[in-house]
Full PDB file with SEQRES, HELIX, SHEET, SSBOND, CRYST1, ORIGX, SCALE, CONECT and MASTER records, all heavy atoms in Angstrom:
SEQRES   1 A   42  PHE GLU MET THR VAL VAL SER ALA HIS ARG THR PRO GLU          
SEQRES   2 A   42  ARG MET PHE GLU TYR ALA LYS SER ALA ALA SER ARG GLY          
SEQRES   3 A   42  LEU LYS VAL ILE ILE ALA GLY ALA GLY GLY ALA ALA HIS          
SEQRES   4 A   42  LEU PRO GLY                                                  
HELIX    1 AA1 PRO A   12  SER A   21  1                                  10    
HELIX    2 AA2 ALA A   23  ARG A   25  5                                   3    
CRYST1    1.000    1.000    1.000  90.00  90.00  90.00 P 1           1          
ORIGX1      1.000000  0.000000  0.000000        0.00000                         
ORIGX2      0.000000  1.000000  0.000000        0.00000                         
ORIGX3      0.000000  0.000000  1.000000        0.00000                         
SCALE1      1.000000  0.000000  0.000000        0.00000                         
SCALE2      0.000000  1.000000  0.000000        0.00000                         
SCALE3      0.000000  0.000000  1.000000        0.00000                         
ATOM      1  N   PHE A   1     -49.587 -38.259 -28.976  1.00  0.00           N  
ATOM      2  CA  PHE A   1     -49.319 -37.837 -30.303  1.00  0.00           C  
ATOM      3  C   PHE A   1     -49.164 -39.102 -31.221  1.00  0.00           C  
ATOM      4  O   PHE A   1     -48.821 -40.209 -30.746  1.00  0.00           O  
ATOM      5  CB  PHE A   1     -48.148 -36.926 -30.490  1.00  0.00           C  
ATOM      6  CG  PHE A   1     -46.791 -37.681 -30.236  1.00  0.00           C  
ATOM      7  CD1 PHE A   1     -46.071 -38.254 -31.097  1.00  0.00           C  
ATOM      8  CD2 PHE A   1     -46.402 -37.773 -28.828  1.00  0.00           C  
ATOM      9  CE1 PHE A   1     -44.910 -38.844 -30.943  1.00  0.00           C  
ATOM     10  CE2 PHE A   1     -45.179 -38.441 -28.547  1.00  0.00           C  
ATOM     11  CZ  PHE A   1     -44.403 -38.898 -29.514  1.00  0.00           C  
ATOM     12  N   GLU A   2     -49.172 -38.924 -32.445  1.00  0.00           N  
ATOM     13  CA  GLU A   2     -48.917 -39.837 -33.494  1.00  0.00           C  
ATOM     14  C   GLU A   2     -47.908 -39.203 -34.398  1.00  0.00           C  
ATOM     15  O   GLU A   2     -47.832 -37.959 -34.670  1.00  0.00           O  
ATOM     16  CB  GLU A   2     -50.176 -40.326 -34.350  1.00  0.00           C  
ATOM     17  CG  GLU A   2     -50.801 -39.210 -35.141  1.00  0.00           C  
ATOM     18  CD  GLU A   2     -52.106 -39.701 -35.828  1.00  0.00           C  
ATOM     19  OE1 GLU A   2     -52.774 -40.552 -35.297  1.00  0.00           O  
ATOM     20  OE2 GLU A   2     -52.487 -39.105 -36.832  1.00  0.00           O  
ATOM     21  N   MET A   3     -47.073 -40.048 -35.176  1.00  0.00           N  
ATOM     22  CA  MET A   3     -46.097 -39.510 -36.044  1.00  0.00           C  
ATOM     23  C   MET A   3     -45.965 -40.441 -37.196  1.00  0.00           C  
ATOM     24  O   MET A   3     -45.922 -41.646 -37.134  1.00  0.00           O  
ATOM     25  CB  MET A   3     -44.696 -39.406 -35.292  1.00  0.00           C  
ATOM     26  CG  MET A   3     -43.647 -38.815 -36.092  1.00  0.00           C  
ATOM     27  SD  MET A   3     -42.285 -38.134 -35.135  1.00  0.00           S  
ATOM     28  CE  MET A   3     -41.944 -39.328 -34.000  1.00  0.00           C  
ATOM     29  N   THR A   4     -45.930 -39.871 -38.380  1.00  0.00           N  
ATOM     30  CA  THR A   4     -45.923 -40.628 -39.565  1.00  0.00           C  
ATOM     31  C   THR A   4     -45.362 -39.812 -40.797  1.00  0.00           C  
ATOM     32  O   THR A   4     -45.101 -38.651 -40.688  1.00  0.00           O  
ATOM     33  CB  THR A   4     -47.248 -41.265 -39.958  1.00  0.00           C  
ATOM     34  OG1 THR A   4     -47.047 -42.269 -40.982  1.00  0.00           O  
ATOM     35  CG2 THR A   4     -48.210 -40.182 -40.433  1.00  0.00           C  
ATOM     36  N   VAL A   5     -44.982 -40.452 -41.895  1.00  0.00           N  
ATOM     37  CA  VAL A   5     -44.634 -39.866 -43.098  1.00  0.00           C  
ATOM     38  C   VAL A   5     -45.766 -39.705 -44.091  1.00  0.00           C  
ATOM     39  O   VAL A   5     -46.466 -40.685 -44.248  1.00  0.00           O  
ATOM     40  CB  VAL A   5     -43.401 -40.647 -43.829  1.00  0.00           C  
ATOM     41  CG1 VAL A   5     -43.115 -40.051 -45.189  1.00  0.00           C  
ATOM     42  CG2 VAL A   5     -42.279 -40.772 -42.929  1.00  0.00           C  
ATOM     43  N   VAL A   6     -46.016 -38.465 -44.539  1.00  0.00           N  
ATOM     44  CA  VAL A   6     -47.113 -38.118 -45.453  1.00  0.00           C  
ATOM     45  C   VAL A   6     -46.343 -37.188 -46.493  1.00  0.00           C  
ATOM     46  O   VAL A   6     -46.125 -35.974 -46.199  1.00  0.00           O  
ATOM     47  CB  VAL A   6     -48.237 -37.538 -44.757  1.00  0.00           C  
ATOM     48  CG1 VAL A   6     -49.275 -37.193 -45.777  1.00  0.00           C  
ATOM     49  CG2 VAL A   6     -48.738 -38.382 -43.719  1.00  0.00           C  
ATOM     50  N   SER A   7     -46.202 -37.591 -47.668  1.00  0.00           N  
ATOM     51  CA  SER A   7     -45.682 -36.778 -48.596  1.00  0.00           C  
ATOM     52  C   SER A   7     -46.698 -36.051 -49.510  1.00  0.00           C  
ATOM     53  O   SER A   7     -47.548 -36.861 -50.137  1.00  0.00           O  
ATOM     54  CB  SER A   7     -44.663 -37.575 -49.617  1.00  0.00           C  
ATOM     55  OG  SER A   7     -44.211 -36.742 -50.657  1.00  0.00           O  
ATOM     56  N   ALA A   8     -46.711 -34.744 -49.644  1.00  0.00           N  
ATOM     57  CA  ALA A   8     -47.618 -34.032 -50.438  1.00  0.00           C  
ATOM     58  C   ALA A   8     -47.356 -34.340 -52.038  1.00  0.00           C  
ATOM     59  O   ALA A   8     -48.334 -34.333 -52.677  1.00  0.00           O  
ATOM     60  CB  ALA A   8     -47.481 -32.582 -50.287  1.00  0.00           C  
ATOM     61  N   HIS A   9     -46.189 -34.661 -52.355  1.00  0.00           N  
ATOM     62  CA  HIS A   9     -45.790 -34.865 -53.727  1.00  0.00           C  
ATOM     63  C   HIS A   9     -45.819 -36.408 -54.181  1.00  0.00           C  
ATOM     64  O   HIS A   9     -46.260 -36.762 -55.254  1.00  0.00           O  
ATOM     65  CB  HIS A   9     -44.482 -34.300 -54.015  1.00  0.00           C  
ATOM     66  CG  HIS A   9     -44.455 -32.813 -53.813  1.00  0.00           C  
ATOM     67  ND1 HIS A   9     -43.761 -32.316 -52.796  1.00  0.00           N  
ATOM     68  CD2 HIS A   9     -44.965 -31.808 -54.486  1.00  0.00           C  
ATOM     69  CE1 HIS A   9     -43.857 -30.921 -52.908  1.00  0.00           C  
ATOM     70  NE2 HIS A   9     -44.668 -30.601 -53.792  1.00  0.00           N  
ATOM     71  N   ARG A  10     -45.293 -37.281 -53.267  1.00  0.00           N  
ATOM     72  CA  ARG A  10     -45.310 -38.792 -53.597  1.00  0.00           C  
ATOM     73  C   ARG A  10     -46.477 -39.511 -53.144  1.00  0.00           C  
ATOM     74  O   ARG A  10     -46.739 -40.559 -53.798  1.00  0.00           O  
ATOM     75  CB  ARG A  10     -44.031 -39.331 -52.947  1.00  0.00           C  
ATOM     76  CG  ARG A  10     -42.707 -38.705 -53.585  1.00  0.00           C  
ATOM     77  CD  ARG A  10     -41.471 -39.238 -52.954  1.00  0.00           C  
ATOM     78  NE  ARG A  10     -41.308 -38.878 -51.585  1.00  0.00           N  
ATOM     79  CZ  ARG A  10     -40.648 -37.734 -51.184  1.00  0.00           C  
ATOM     80  NH1 ARG A  10     -40.169 -36.983 -52.193  1.00  0.00           N  
ATOM     81  NH2 ARG A  10     -40.569 -37.455 -49.967  1.00  0.00           N  
ATOM     82  N   THR A  11     -47.243 -38.990 -52.197  1.00  0.00           N  
ATOM     83  CA  THR A  11     -48.446 -39.730 -51.753  1.00  0.00           C  
ATOM     84  C   THR A  11     -49.591 -38.755 -51.489  1.00  0.00           C  
ATOM     85  O   THR A  11     -50.063 -38.629 -50.387  1.00  0.00           O  
ATOM     86  CB  THR A  11     -48.217 -40.547 -50.502  1.00  0.00           C  
ATOM     87  OG1 THR A  11     -47.761 -39.637 -49.441  1.00  0.00           O  
ATOM     88  CG2 THR A  11     -47.063 -41.698 -50.698  1.00  0.00           C  
ATOM     89  N   PRO A  12     -50.058 -38.046 -52.620  1.00  0.00           N  
ATOM     90  CA  PRO A  12     -50.977 -36.985 -52.360  1.00  0.00           C  
ATOM     91  C   PRO A  12     -52.375 -37.533 -51.814  1.00  0.00           C  
ATOM     92  O   PRO A  12     -53.077 -36.864 -51.008  1.00  0.00           O  
ATOM     93  CB  PRO A  12     -51.224 -36.286 -53.679  1.00  0.00           C  
ATOM     94  CG  PRO A  12     -50.645 -37.288 -54.682  1.00  0.00           C  
ATOM     95  CD  PRO A  12     -49.558 -38.031 -53.898  1.00  0.00           C  
ATOM     96  N   GLU A  13     -52.697 -38.750 -52.209  1.00  0.00           N  
ATOM     97  CA  GLU A  13     -54.088 -39.316 -51.681  1.00  0.00           C  
ATOM     98  C   GLU A  13     -53.815 -39.702 -50.182  1.00  0.00           C  
ATOM     99  O   GLU A  13     -54.811 -39.469 -49.506  1.00  0.00           O  
ATOM    100  CB  GLU A  13     -54.300 -40.730 -52.358  1.00  0.00           C  
ATOM    101  CG  GLU A  13     -54.549 -40.532 -53.973  1.00  0.00           C  
ATOM    102  CD  GLU A  13     -53.373 -40.565 -54.777  1.00  0.00           C  
ATOM    103  OE1 GLU A  13     -52.197 -40.811 -54.263  1.00  0.00           O  
ATOM    104  OE2 GLU A  13     -53.493 -40.288 -56.054  1.00  0.00           O  
ATOM    105  N   ARG A  14     -52.659 -40.100 -49.801  1.00  0.00           N  
ATOM    106  CA  ARG A  14     -52.418 -40.467 -48.298  1.00  0.00           C  
ATOM    107  C   ARG A  14     -52.545 -39.052 -47.562  1.00  0.00           C  
ATOM    108  O   ARG A  14     -53.151 -38.962 -46.602  1.00  0.00           O  
ATOM    109  CB  ARG A  14     -51.118 -41.010 -48.142  1.00  0.00           C  
ATOM    110  CG  ARG A  14     -50.694 -41.302 -46.713  1.00  0.00           C  
ATOM    111  CD  ARG A  14     -49.356 -42.111 -46.639  1.00  0.00           C  
ATOM    112  NE  ARG A  14     -48.719 -42.066 -45.362  1.00  0.00           N  
ATOM    113  CZ  ARG A  14     -49.168 -42.781 -44.347  1.00  0.00           C  
ATOM    114  NH1 ARG A  14     -50.132 -43.628 -44.423  1.00  0.00           N  
ATOM    115  NH2 ARG A  14     -48.435 -42.703 -43.137  1.00  0.00           N  
ATOM    116  N   MET A  15     -51.911 -37.951 -48.193  1.00  0.00           N  
ATOM    117  CA  MET A  15     -52.069 -36.710 -47.489  1.00  0.00           C  
ATOM    118  C   MET A  15     -53.435 -36.186 -47.300  1.00  0.00           C  
ATOM    119  O   MET A  15     -53.874 -35.679 -46.342  1.00  0.00           O  
ATOM    120  CB  MET A  15     -51.211 -35.708 -48.272  1.00  0.00           C  
ATOM    121  CG  MET A  15     -51.248 -34.280 -47.728  1.00  0.00           C  
ATOM    122  SD  MET A  15     -50.916 -33.047 -49.007  1.00  0.00           S  
ATOM    123  CE  MET A  15     -52.249 -33.228 -50.082  1.00  0.00           C  
ATOM    124  N   PHE A  16     -54.191 -36.336 -48.360  1.00  0.00           N  
ATOM    125  CA  PHE A  16     -55.618 -35.840 -48.394  1.00  0.00           C  
ATOM    126  C   PHE A  16     -56.364 -36.677 -47.312  1.00  0.00           C  
ATOM    127  O   PHE A  16     -57.125 -36.035 -46.625  1.00  0.00           O  
ATOM    128  CB  PHE A  16     -56.171 -36.087 -49.882  1.00  0.00           C  
ATOM    129  CG  PHE A  16     -57.490 -35.476 -49.897  1.00  0.00           C  
ATOM    130  CD1 PHE A  16     -57.706 -34.212 -50.259  1.00  0.00           C  
ATOM    131  CD2 PHE A  16     -58.691 -36.297 -49.673  1.00  0.00           C  
ATOM    132  CE1 PHE A  16     -58.977 -33.635 -50.333  1.00  0.00           C  
ATOM    133  CE2 PHE A  16     -59.940 -35.776 -49.812  1.00  0.00           C  
ATOM    134  CZ  PHE A  16     -60.068 -34.467 -50.179  1.00  0.00           C  
ATOM    135  N   GLU A  17     -56.245 -38.050 -47.411  1.00  0.00           N  
ATOM    136  CA  GLU A  17     -57.028 -38.733 -46.347  1.00  0.00           C  
ATOM    137  C   GLU A  17     -56.549 -38.389 -44.971  1.00  0.00           C  
ATOM    138  O   GLU A  17     -57.403 -38.374 -44.039  1.00  0.00           O  
ATOM    139  CB  GLU A  17     -56.772 -40.310 -46.577  1.00  0.00           C  
ATOM    140  CG  GLU A  17     -57.663 -41.201 -45.706  1.00  0.00           C  
ATOM    141  CD  GLU A  17     -59.098 -40.872 -45.628  1.00  0.00           C  
ATOM    142  OE1 GLU A  17     -59.652 -40.551 -46.659  1.00  0.00           O  
ATOM    143  OE2 GLU A  17     -59.616 -40.994 -44.532  1.00  0.00           O  
ATOM    144  N   TYR A  18     -55.323 -38.256 -44.691  1.00  0.00           N  
ATOM    145  CA  TYR A  18     -54.784 -37.860 -43.397  1.00  0.00           C  
ATOM    146  C   TYR A  18     -55.460 -36.594 -42.854  1.00  0.00           C  
ATOM    147  O   TYR A  18     -55.981 -36.582 -41.730  1.00  0.00           O  
ATOM    148  CB  TYR A  18     -53.322 -37.796 -43.333  1.00  0.00           C  
ATOM    149  CG  TYR A  18     -52.779 -37.665 -42.037  1.00  0.00           C  
ATOM    150  CD1 TYR A  18     -52.331 -38.608 -41.187  1.00  0.00           C  
ATOM    151  CD2 TYR A  18     -52.602 -36.356 -41.443  1.00  0.00           C  
ATOM    152  CE1 TYR A  18     -51.867 -38.447 -39.936  1.00  0.00           C  
ATOM    153  CE2 TYR A  18     -52.140 -36.114 -40.102  1.00  0.00           C  
ATOM    154  CZ  TYR A  18     -51.771 -37.260 -39.346  1.00  0.00           C  
ATOM    155  OH  TYR A  18     -51.352 -37.140 -37.992  1.00  0.00           O  
ATOM    156  N   ALA A  19     -55.360 -35.576 -43.711  1.00  0.00           N  
ATOM    157  CA  ALA A  19     -55.800 -34.238 -43.310  1.00  0.00           C  
ATOM    158  C   ALA A  19     -57.328 -34.232 -43.195  1.00  0.00           C  
ATOM    159  O   ALA A  19     -57.911 -33.713 -42.373  1.00  0.00           O  
ATOM    160  CB  ALA A  19     -55.482 -33.221 -44.367  1.00  0.00           C  
ATOM    161  N   LYS A  20     -58.066 -34.932 -44.051  1.00  0.00           N  
ATOM    162  CA  LYS A  20     -59.370 -34.944 -44.121  1.00  0.00           C  
ATOM    163  C   LYS A  20     -60.020 -35.708 -42.746  1.00  0.00           C  
ATOM    164  O   LYS A  20     -61.019 -35.347 -42.280  1.00  0.00           O  
ATOM    165  CB  LYS A  20     -60.015 -35.626 -45.306  1.00  0.00           C  
ATOM    166  CG  LYS A  20     -61.432 -35.464 -45.518  1.00  0.00           C  
ATOM    167  CD  LYS A  20     -61.842 -35.741 -46.934  1.00  0.00           C  
ATOM    168  CE  LYS A  20     -63.300 -35.632 -47.328  1.00  0.00           C  
ATOM    169  NZ  LYS A  20     -63.786 -34.311 -47.233  1.00  0.00           N  
ATOM    170  N   SER A  21     -59.294 -36.762 -42.386  1.00  0.00           N  
ATOM    171  CA  SER A  21     -59.860 -37.505 -41.233  1.00  0.00           C  
ATOM    172  C   SER A  21     -59.302 -37.179 -39.944  1.00  0.00           C  
ATOM    173  O   SER A  21     -59.781 -37.572 -38.900  1.00  0.00           O  
ATOM    174  CB  SER A  21     -59.497 -39.122 -41.511  1.00  0.00           C  
ATOM    175  OG  SER A  21     -58.088 -39.160 -41.346  1.00  0.00           O  
ATOM    176  N   ALA A  22     -58.368 -36.185 -39.830  1.00  0.00           N  
ATOM    177  CA  ALA A  22     -57.613 -35.826 -38.612  1.00  0.00           C  
ATOM    178  C   ALA A  22     -58.640 -35.430 -37.548  1.00  0.00           C  
ATOM    179  O   ALA A  22     -58.427 -35.861 -36.415  1.00  0.00           O  
ATOM    180  CB  ALA A  22     -56.581 -34.720 -38.851  1.00  0.00           C  
ATOM    181  N   ALA A  23     -59.457 -34.402 -37.757  1.00  0.00           N  
ATOM    182  CA  ALA A  23     -60.374 -33.942 -36.773  1.00  0.00           C  
ATOM    183  C   ALA A  23     -61.366 -35.067 -36.276  1.00  0.00           C  
ATOM    184  O   ALA A  23     -61.556 -35.205 -35.044  1.00  0.00           O  
ATOM    185  CB  ALA A  23     -61.206 -32.822 -37.241  1.00  0.00           C  
ATOM    186  N   SER A  24     -61.797 -35.859 -37.169  1.00  0.00           N  
ATOM    187  CA  SER A  24     -62.674 -36.875 -36.801  1.00  0.00           C  
ATOM    188  C   SER A  24     -62.047 -38.009 -35.927  1.00  0.00           C  
ATOM    189  O   SER A  24     -62.736 -38.803 -35.156  1.00  0.00           O  
ATOM    190  CB  SER A  24     -63.523 -37.556 -37.955  1.00  0.00           C  
ATOM    191  OG  SER A  24     -62.590 -38.218 -38.765  1.00  0.00           O  
ATOM    192  N   ARG A  25     -60.745 -38.029 -36.176  1.00  0.00           N  
ATOM    193  CA  ARG A  25     -59.989 -39.047 -35.292  1.00  0.00           C  
ATOM    194  C   ARG A  25     -59.484 -38.566 -33.982  1.00  0.00           C  
ATOM    195  O   ARG A  25     -58.769 -39.176 -33.250  1.00  0.00           O  
ATOM    196  CB  ARG A  25     -58.795 -39.451 -36.135  1.00  0.00           C  
ATOM    197  CG  ARG A  25     -59.043 -40.423 -37.303  1.00  0.00           C  
ATOM    198  CD  ARG A  25     -57.840 -40.923 -38.152  1.00  0.00           C  
ATOM    199  NE  ARG A  25     -57.030 -39.918 -38.637  1.00  0.00           N  
ATOM    200  CZ  ARG A  25     -55.816 -39.531 -38.189  1.00  0.00           C  
ATOM    201  NH1 ARG A  25     -55.334 -40.096 -37.118  1.00  0.00           N  
ATOM    202  NH2 ARG A  25     -55.067 -38.627 -38.912  1.00  0.00           N  
ATOM    203  N   GLY A  26     -59.912 -37.269 -33.680  1.00  0.00           N  
ATOM    204  CA  GLY A  26     -59.636 -36.652 -32.432  1.00  0.00           C  
ATOM    205  C   GLY A  26     -58.542 -35.711 -32.363  1.00  0.00           C  
ATOM    206  O   GLY A  26     -58.076 -35.081 -31.256  1.00  0.00           O  
ATOM    207  N   LEU A  27     -57.732 -35.574 -33.492  1.00  0.00           N  
ATOM    208  CA  LEU A  27     -56.581 -34.607 -33.430  1.00  0.00           C  
ATOM    209  C   LEU A  27     -57.042 -33.283 -33.169  1.00  0.00           C  
ATOM    210  O   LEU A  27     -58.156 -32.812 -33.602  1.00  0.00           O  
ATOM    211  CB  LEU A  27     -55.736 -34.811 -34.645  1.00  0.00           C  
ATOM    212  CG  LEU A  27     -55.180 -35.977 -35.013  1.00  0.00           C  
ATOM    213  CD1 LEU A  27     -54.269 -35.965 -36.304  1.00  0.00           C  
ATOM    214  CD2 LEU A  27     -54.235 -36.582 -33.796  1.00  0.00           C  
ATOM    215  N   LYS A  28     -56.202 -32.475 -32.495  1.00  0.00           N  
ATOM    216  CA  LYS A  28     -56.540 -31.005 -32.227  1.00  0.00           C  
ATOM    217  C   LYS A  28     -55.581 -30.117 -32.959  1.00  0.00           C  
ATOM    218  O   LYS A  28     -55.960 -29.000 -33.245  1.00  0.00           O  
ATOM    219  CB  LYS A  28     -56.554 -30.757 -30.774  1.00  0.00           C  
ATOM    220  CG  LYS A  28     -57.352 -31.630 -29.921  1.00  0.00           C  
ATOM    221  CD  LYS A  28     -58.782 -31.379 -30.113  1.00  0.00           C  
ATOM    222  CE  LYS A  28     -59.683 -32.131 -29.128  1.00  0.00           C  
ATOM    223  NZ  LYS A  28     -60.824 -32.657 -29.819  1.00  0.00           N  
ATOM    224  N   VAL A  29     -54.313 -30.658 -33.378  1.00  0.00           N  
ATOM    225  CA  VAL A  29     -53.319 -29.871 -33.952  1.00  0.00           C  
ATOM    226  C   VAL A  29     -52.570 -30.728 -34.768  1.00  0.00           C  
ATOM    227  O   VAL A  29     -52.327 -31.801 -34.520  1.00  0.00           O  
ATOM    228  CB  VAL A  29     -52.422 -29.148 -32.954  1.00  0.00           C  
ATOM    229  CG1 VAL A  29     -51.299 -28.275 -33.598  1.00  0.00           C  
ATOM    230  CG2 VAL A  29     -53.208 -28.236 -31.890  1.00  0.00           C  
ATOM    231  N   ILE A  30     -52.068 -30.241 -35.920  1.00  0.00           N  
ATOM    232  CA  ILE A  30     -51.165 -31.025 -36.857  1.00  0.00           C  
ATOM    233  C   ILE A  30     -49.847 -30.216 -36.981  1.00  0.00           C  
ATOM    234  O   ILE A  30     -49.936 -28.965 -37.189  1.00  0.00           O  
ATOM    235  CB  ILE A  30     -51.816 -31.240 -38.244  1.00  0.00           C  
ATOM    236  CG1 ILE A  30     -52.972 -32.093 -38.125  1.00  0.00           C  
ATOM    237  CG2 ILE A  30     -50.825 -31.862 -39.113  1.00  0.00           C  
ATOM    238  CD1 ILE A  30     -53.837 -32.269 -39.324  1.00  0.00           C  
ATOM    239  N   ILE A  31     -48.769 -30.887 -36.745  1.00  0.00           N  
ATOM    240  CA  ILE A  31     -47.431 -30.274 -37.053  1.00  0.00           C  
ATOM    241  C   ILE A  31     -46.939 -30.891 -38.345  1.00  0.00           C  
ATOM    242  O   ILE A  31     -46.852 -32.248 -38.308  1.00  0.00           O  
ATOM    243  CB  ILE A  31     -46.447 -30.538 -35.848  1.00  0.00           C  
ATOM    244  CG1 ILE A  31     -46.950 -29.766 -34.619  1.00  0.00           C  
ATOM    245  CG2 ILE A  31     -45.078 -30.053 -36.295  1.00  0.00           C  
ATOM    246  CD1 ILE A  31     -46.087 -29.984 -33.340  1.00  0.00           C  
ATOM    247  N   ALA A  32     -46.615 -30.187 -39.362  1.00  0.00           N  
ATOM    248  CA  ALA A  32     -46.159 -30.720 -40.568  1.00  0.00           C  
ATOM    249  C   ALA A  32     -44.783 -30.166 -40.937  1.00  0.00           C  
ATOM    250  O   ALA A  32     -44.637 -28.973 -41.027  1.00  0.00           O  
ATOM    251  CB  ALA A  32     -47.147 -30.369 -41.738  1.00  0.00           C  
ATOM    252  N   GLY A  33     -43.747 -31.042 -40.954  1.00  0.00           N  
ATOM    253  CA  GLY A  33     -42.478 -30.698 -41.385  1.00  0.00           C  
ATOM    254  C   GLY A  33     -42.167 -31.052 -42.871  1.00  0.00           C  
ATOM    255  O   GLY A  33     -42.571 -32.126 -43.256  1.00  0.00           O  
ATOM    256  N   ALA A  34     -41.465 -30.135 -43.506  1.00  0.00           N  
ATOM    257  CA  ALA A  34     -41.245 -30.370 -44.923  1.00  0.00           C  
ATOM    258  C   ALA A  34     -39.941 -29.643 -45.412  1.00  0.00           C  
ATOM    259  O   ALA A  34     -39.775 -28.508 -44.935  1.00  0.00           O  
ATOM    260  CB  ALA A  34     -42.358 -30.127 -45.918  1.00  0.00           C  
ATOM    261  N   GLY A  35     -39.245 -30.116 -46.334  1.00  0.00           N  
ATOM    262  CA  GLY A  35     -38.130 -29.491 -46.821  1.00  0.00           C  
ATOM    263  C   GLY A  35     -38.273 -29.292 -48.379  1.00  0.00           C  
ATOM    264  O   GLY A  35     -39.300 -29.583 -48.907  1.00  0.00           O  
ATOM    265  N   GLY A  36     -37.385 -28.503 -48.847  1.00  0.00           N  
ATOM    266  CA  GLY A  36     -37.339 -28.250 -50.390  1.00  0.00           C  
ATOM    267  C   GLY A  36     -38.628 -27.317 -50.626  1.00  0.00           C  
ATOM    268  O   GLY A  36     -38.804 -26.299 -50.003  1.00  0.00           O  
ATOM    269  N   ALA A  37     -39.538 -27.788 -51.617  1.00  0.00           N  
ATOM    270  CA  ALA A  37     -40.617 -27.111 -51.935  1.00  0.00           C  
ATOM    271  C   ALA A  37     -41.682 -26.952 -50.830  1.00  0.00           C  
ATOM    272  O   ALA A  37     -42.474 -26.065 -50.811  1.00  0.00           O  
ATOM    273  CB  ALA A  37     -41.305 -27.764 -53.163  1.00  0.00           C  
ATOM    274  N   ALA A  38     -41.639 -27.969 -49.838  1.00  0.00           N  
ATOM    275  CA  ALA A  38     -42.395 -27.778 -48.680  1.00  0.00           C  
ATOM    276  C   ALA A  38     -43.831 -27.499 -48.879  1.00  0.00           C  
ATOM    277  O   ALA A  38     -44.388 -26.626 -48.161  1.00  0.00           O  
ATOM    278  CB  ALA A  38     -41.643 -26.927 -47.751  1.00  0.00           C  
ATOM    279  N   HIS A  39     -44.554 -28.239 -49.629  1.00  0.00           N  
ATOM    280  CA  HIS A  39     -45.926 -27.962 -49.759  1.00  0.00           C  
ATOM    281  C   HIS A  39     -46.843 -28.721 -48.750  1.00  0.00           C  
ATOM    282  O   HIS A  39     -47.990 -28.362 -48.585  1.00  0.00           O  
ATOM    283  CB  HIS A  39     -46.351 -28.515 -51.205  1.00  0.00           C  
ATOM    284  CG  HIS A  39     -45.883 -27.598 -52.213  1.00  0.00           C  
ATOM    285  ND1 HIS A  39     -44.816 -28.083 -53.060  1.00  0.00           N  
ATOM    286  CD2 HIS A  39     -46.359 -26.449 -52.795  1.00  0.00           C  
ATOM    287  CE1 HIS A  39     -44.646 -27.115 -53.954  1.00  0.00           C  
ATOM    288  NE2 HIS A  39     -45.442 -26.223 -53.829  1.00  0.00           N  
ATOM    289  N   LEU A  40     -46.250 -29.691 -47.955  1.00  0.00           N  
ATOM    290  CA  LEU A  40     -47.125 -30.481 -47.081  1.00  0.00           C  
ATOM    291  C   LEU A  40     -47.907 -29.568 -46.014  1.00  0.00           C  
ATOM    292  O   LEU A  40     -49.103 -29.741 -45.925  1.00  0.00           O  
ATOM    293  CB  LEU A  40     -46.190 -31.426 -46.277  1.00  0.00           C  
ATOM    294  CG  LEU A  40     -46.958 -32.421 -45.339  1.00  0.00           C  
ATOM    295  CD1 LEU A  40     -47.970 -33.334 -46.087  1.00  0.00           C  
ATOM    296  CD2 LEU A  40     -45.935 -33.254 -44.627  1.00  0.00           C  
ATOM    297  N   PRO A  41     -47.329 -28.667 -45.326  1.00  0.00           N  
ATOM    298  CA  PRO A  41     -48.122 -27.953 -44.374  1.00  0.00           C  
ATOM    299  C   PRO A  41     -49.265 -27.182 -45.036  1.00  0.00           C  
ATOM    300  O   PRO A  41     -50.362 -27.163 -44.416  1.00  0.00           O  
ATOM    301  CB  PRO A  41     -47.100 -26.936 -43.732  1.00  0.00           C  
ATOM    302  CG  PRO A  41     -45.806 -27.534 -43.938  1.00  0.00           C  
ATOM    303  CD  PRO A  41     -45.920 -28.325 -45.169  1.00  0.00           C  
ATOM    304  N   GLY A  42     -49.028 -26.511 -46.061  1.00  0.00           N  
ATOM    305  CA  GLY A  42     -50.062 -25.744 -46.703  1.00  0.00           C  
ATOM    306  C   GLY A  42     -51.175 -26.571 -47.372  1.00  0.00           C  
ATOM    307  O   GLY A  42     -52.329 -26.206 -47.254  1.00  0.00           O  
TER     308      GLY A  42                                                      
MASTER        0    0    0    2    0    0    0    6  307    1    0    4          
END                                                                             
């Protein structure tokens, strides 16, 4: 596994690039944890 911080609100470009490249990088599943408004998983 890999683990990192990706904020939907503070780093939307990072979130977009992470999600867009995940499958091509070989990931099969993503676990996204978030508090408060918790937009990251969706």
